[in-house]
Amino acid sequence: MVGETSRAGDGNEAKIMAYILDNPGSYLRQIKTGLGISMGTIQYHLNKLEKDNKISYSRNGLHKCFFVTGIFKDNEKEIIKYLNQETPRKIIMFIIEQGQPSQTDIAKNIKISSPSINWNLKRLIESKVIKEKKDGRFKRYTLSGEIDSILLTKLLKNYYPSVWDRWTDRLAEIFLSLSFDTENKDRS
């Protein structure tokens, strides 16, 4: 009977490890919801895995975002933390698409208030995911020098395939509309 309890615990630990491996940057409640295991059990195994150096975490506000040890560099962890959240992810994707958008451009595209955009931009800048530069009276935003689009593409493809699919579909539509506009101008 004692062995059965131990095996059940080991099973939960393995499930949690597998979940974090498949969903890097997940926080406590995401893991609980994703696995359907009680909060106390999740907390116990996360603490145990952390003490055994099998996982590490990076703070994102009040949340601990968990990662399997030895897989991600610090800058990759920073990106993943923000890709795991809808608004920062939309901001990052828009910056990649547009090159150097202003805060106004970002707010119009993402359709949330300027103060919310400002708050998210500050967090992304502090984490060195994006950088801000002055352009006359505007501030423009680009990916940080530590973050390149190839790394971002790799992380999206591997860990956020549904986001990657939506984004590539959107980019394909943009390229098609641009080529259609060019063809129409050439005919005129």
Protein backbone atom coordinates (compact mmCIF):
# COMPACT_ATOMS: atom_id res chain seq x y z
CA MET A 1 0.00 0.00 0.00
CA VAL A 2 2.85 2.39 0.82
CA GLY A 3 4.42 1.63 -2.56
CA GLU A 4 1.15 2.46 -4.32
CA THR A 5 0.97 5.88 -2.70
CA SER A 6 4.56 6.55 -3.70
CA ARG A 7 3.89 5.48 -7.30
CA ALA A 8 0.79 7.68 -7.49
CA GLY A 9 2.87 10.62 -6.30
CA ASP A 10 5.60 9.81 -8.80
CA GLY A 11 2.93 9.69 -11.51
CA ASN A 12 1.80 13.20 -10.64
CA GLU A 13 5.38 14.41 -10.58
CA ALA A 14 5.98 12.93 -14.03
CA LYS A 15 2.74 14.48 -15.34
CA ILE A 16 3.76 17.88 -14.00
CA MET A 17 7.25 17.60 -15.53
CA ALA A 18 5.78 16.58 -18.88
CA TYR A 19 3.27 19.44 -18.75
CA ILE A 20 6.00 22.01 -18.03
CA LEU A 21 8.16 20.53 -20.79
CA ASP A 22 5.27 20.84 -23.28
CA ASN A 23 4.09 24.21 -21.92
CA PRO A 24 7.16 26.14 -20.79
CA GLY A 25 6.46 29.27 -18.80
CA SER A 26 3.23 27.89 -17.34
CA TYR A 27 2.24 29.15 -13.95
CA LEU A 28 0.61 27.31 -11.06
CA ARG A 29 -3.04 27.76 -12.01
CA GLN A 30 -2.38 26.86 -15.66
CA ILE A 31 -0.73 23.62 -14.58
CA LYS A 32 -3.60 22.84 -12.19
CA THR A 33 -6.22 23.52 -14.88
CA GLY A 34 -4.28 21.69 -17.58
CA LEU A 35 -3.78 18.55 -15.53
CA GLY A 36 -6.88 18.57 -13.32
CA ILE A 37 -4.80 17.85 -10.22
CA SER A 38 -5.50 19.55 -6.88
CA MET A 39 -3.67 22.78 -6.07
CA GLY A 40 -1.98 21.30 -2.99
CA THR A 41 -0.64 18.33 -4.96
CA ILE A 42 0.65 20.63 -7.71
CA GLN A 43 2.35 22.91 -5.16
CA TYR A 44 3.95 19.97 -3.35
CA HIS A 45 5.41 18.50 -6.54
CA LEU A 46 6.55 21.87 -7.91
CA ASN A 47 8.45 22.52 -4.67
CA LYS A 48 9.96 19.02 -4.79
CA LEU A 49 10.94 19.36 -8.47
CA GLU A 50 12.48 22.75 -7.75
CA LYS A 51 14.50 21.42 -4.77
CA ASP A 52 15.71 18.54 -6.98
CA ASN A 53 16.81 21.14 -9.61
CA LYS A 54 14.57 19.57 -12.24
CA ILE A 55 12.64 22.80 -12.78
CA SER A 56 13.26 26.48 -12.23
CA TYR A 57 11.00 29.47 -12.28
CA SER A 58 11.09 33.05 -13.40
CA ARG A 59 8.78 35.64 -11.89
CA ASN A 60 6.29 37.53 -14.01
CA GLY A 61 4.54 39.91 -11.64
CA LEU A 62 2.86 37.76 -9.02
CA HIS A 63 3.19 34.57 -11.07
CA LYS A 64 6.01 32.05 -11.04
CA CYS A 65 6.53 30.78 -14.58
CA PHE A 66 8.02 27.29 -14.53
CA PHE A 67 10.64 25.84 -16.90
CA VAL A 68 12.42 22.51 -17.10
CA THR A 69 16.03 23.14 -16.04
CA GLY A 70 18.72 23.39 -18.70
CA ILE A 71 16.52 23.85 -21.77
CA PHE A 72 16.10 27.62 -22.07
CA LYS A 73 18.49 30.55 -21.82
CA ASP A 74 17.40 33.53 -19.72
CA ASN A 75 16.39 35.63 -22.75
CA GLU A 76 14.29 32.73 -24.07
CA LYS A 77 12.53 32.47 -20.71
CA GLU A 78 11.72 36.18 -20.86
CA ILE A 79 10.18 35.82 -24.32
CA ILE A 80 8.20 32.72 -23.36
CA LYS A 81 6.78 34.43 -20.25
CA TYR A 82 5.30 37.12 -22.47
CA LEU A 83 4.22 34.84 -25.31
CA ASN A 84 2.18 33.01 -22.68
CA GLN A 85 0.05 36.16 -22.16
CA GLU A 86 -2.33 37.41 -24.82
CA THR A 87 -1.74 41.19 -24.76
CA PRO A 88 2.09 41.15 -24.62
CA ARG A 89 2.08 38.42 -27.30
CA LYS A 90 -0.09 40.60 -29.57
CA ILE A 91 2.23 43.56 -29.00
CA ILE A 92 5.34 41.51 -29.84
CA MET A 93 3.73 40.06 -32.97
CA PHE A 94 2.58 43.51 -34.12
CA ILE A 95 6.08 44.93 -33.63
CA ILE A 96 7.50 42.13 -35.78
CA GLU A 97 4.88 42.70 -38.48
CA GLN A 98 5.18 46.49 -38.57
CA GLY A 99 8.87 47.00 -37.87
CA GLN A 100 8.81 50.15 -35.74
CA PRO A 101 5.25 50.99 -34.69
CA SER A 102 4.37 53.82 -32.33
CA GLN A 103 2.33 53.33 -29.16
CA THR A 104 -0.68 54.78 -31.00
CA ASP A 105 -0.25 52.25 -33.84
CA ILE A 106 -0.10 49.42 -31.33
CA ALA A 107 -3.15 50.64 -29.37
CA LYS A 108 -5.23 50.98 -32.57
CA ASN A 109 -4.28 47.51 -33.81
CA ILE A 110 -4.67 45.63 -30.54
CA LYS A 111 -7.77 47.61 -29.57
CA ILE A 112 -7.03 48.18 -25.92
CA SER A 113 -6.54 51.46 -24.09
CA SER A 114 -3.34 53.47 -24.35
CA PRO A 115 -2.67 53.18 -20.58
CA SER A 116 -2.87 49.37 -20.85
CA ILE A 117 -0.56 49.40 -23.86
CA ASN A 118 1.82 51.72 -21.99
CA TRP A 119 1.87 49.40 -18.95
CA ASN A 120 2.61 46.35 -21.13
CA LEU A 121 5.27 48.19 -23.15
CA LYS A 122 7.08 49.23 -19.95
CA ARG A 123 7.15 45.63 -18.75
CA LEU A 124 8.46 44.40 -22.12
CA ILE A 125 11.14 47.12 -22.14
CA GLU A 126 12.21 46.37 -18.54
CA SER A 127 12.54 42.69 -19.48
CA LYS A 128 14.64 43.64 -22.53
CA VAL A 129 12.25 41.94 -24.93
CA ILE A 130 11.65 45.19 -26.83
CA LYS A 131 13.34 48.57 -26.93
CA GLU A 132 12.04 52.08 -27.36
CA LYS A 133 13.58 54.81 -29.46
CA LYS A 134 12.60 58.42 -30.01
CA ASP A 135 11.53 59.44 -33.50
CA GLY A 136 10.73 63.14 -33.32
CA ARG A 137 7.78 63.46 -30.99
CA PHE A 138 6.93 59.75 -31.26
CA LYS A 139 8.36 56.73 -29.52
CA ARG A 140 8.89 53.71 -31.74
CA TYR A 141 9.27 50.12 -30.61
CA THR A 142 11.41 47.29 -31.98
CA LEU A 143 12.62 43.94 -30.73
CA SER A 144 15.57 44.24 -28.39
CA GLY A 145 19.02 43.49 -29.77
CA GLU A 146 19.06 40.40 -27.52
CA ILE A 147 15.93 39.05 -29.20
CA ASP A 148 15.88 38.24 -32.88
CA SER A 149 12.99 37.21 -35.07
CA ILE A 150 14.59 33.80 -35.76
CA LEU A 151 14.60 32.94 -32.04
CA LEU A 152 11.04 34.21 -31.68
CA THR A 153 9.93 32.19 -34.70
CA LYS A 154 11.53 29.04 -33.26
CA LEU A 155 9.79 29.49 -29.91
CA LEU A 156 6.43 30.19 -31.55
CA LYS A 157 6.64 27.18 -33.86
CA ASN A 158 7.69 24.80 -31.09
CA TYR A 159 5.64 25.96 -28.13
CA TYR A 160 2.73 27.98 -29.51
CA PRO A 161 1.80 26.22 -32.77
CA SER A 162 -1.77 27.56 -32.84
CA VAL A 163 -0.49 31.14 -32.51
CA TRP A 164 2.12 30.40 -35.18
CA ASP A 165 -0.55 29.06 -37.54
CA ARG A 166 -2.79 32.12 -37.06
CA TRP A 167 0.14 34.46 -37.50
CA THR A 168 1.44 32.80 -40.67
CA ASP A 169 -2.09 32.85 -42.12
CA ARG A 170 -2.29 36.56 -41.34
CA LEU A 171 1.11 37.24 -42.90
CA ALA A 172 0.14 35.26 -45.99
CA GLU A 173 -2.98 37.43 -46.35
CA ILE A 174 -0.87 40.59 -46.02
CA PHE A 175 1.60 39.42 -48.69
CA LEU A 176 -1.22 38.39 -51.01
CA SER A 177 -2.98 41.74 -50.64
CA LEU A 178 0.30 43.58 -51.23
CA SER A 179 1.02 41.57 -54.38
CA PHE A 180 -2.57 42.14 -55.58
CA ASP A 181 -2.19 45.90 -55.01
CA THR A 182 1.12 45.88 -56.91
CA GLU A 183 -0.44 44.00 -59.86
CA ASN A 184 -3.32 46.48 -60.04
CA LYS A 185 -0.92 49.45 -60.00
CA ASP A 186 1.17 47.85 -62.77
CA ARG A 187 -1.94 47.46 -64.96
CA SER A 188 -2.94 51.11 -64.51
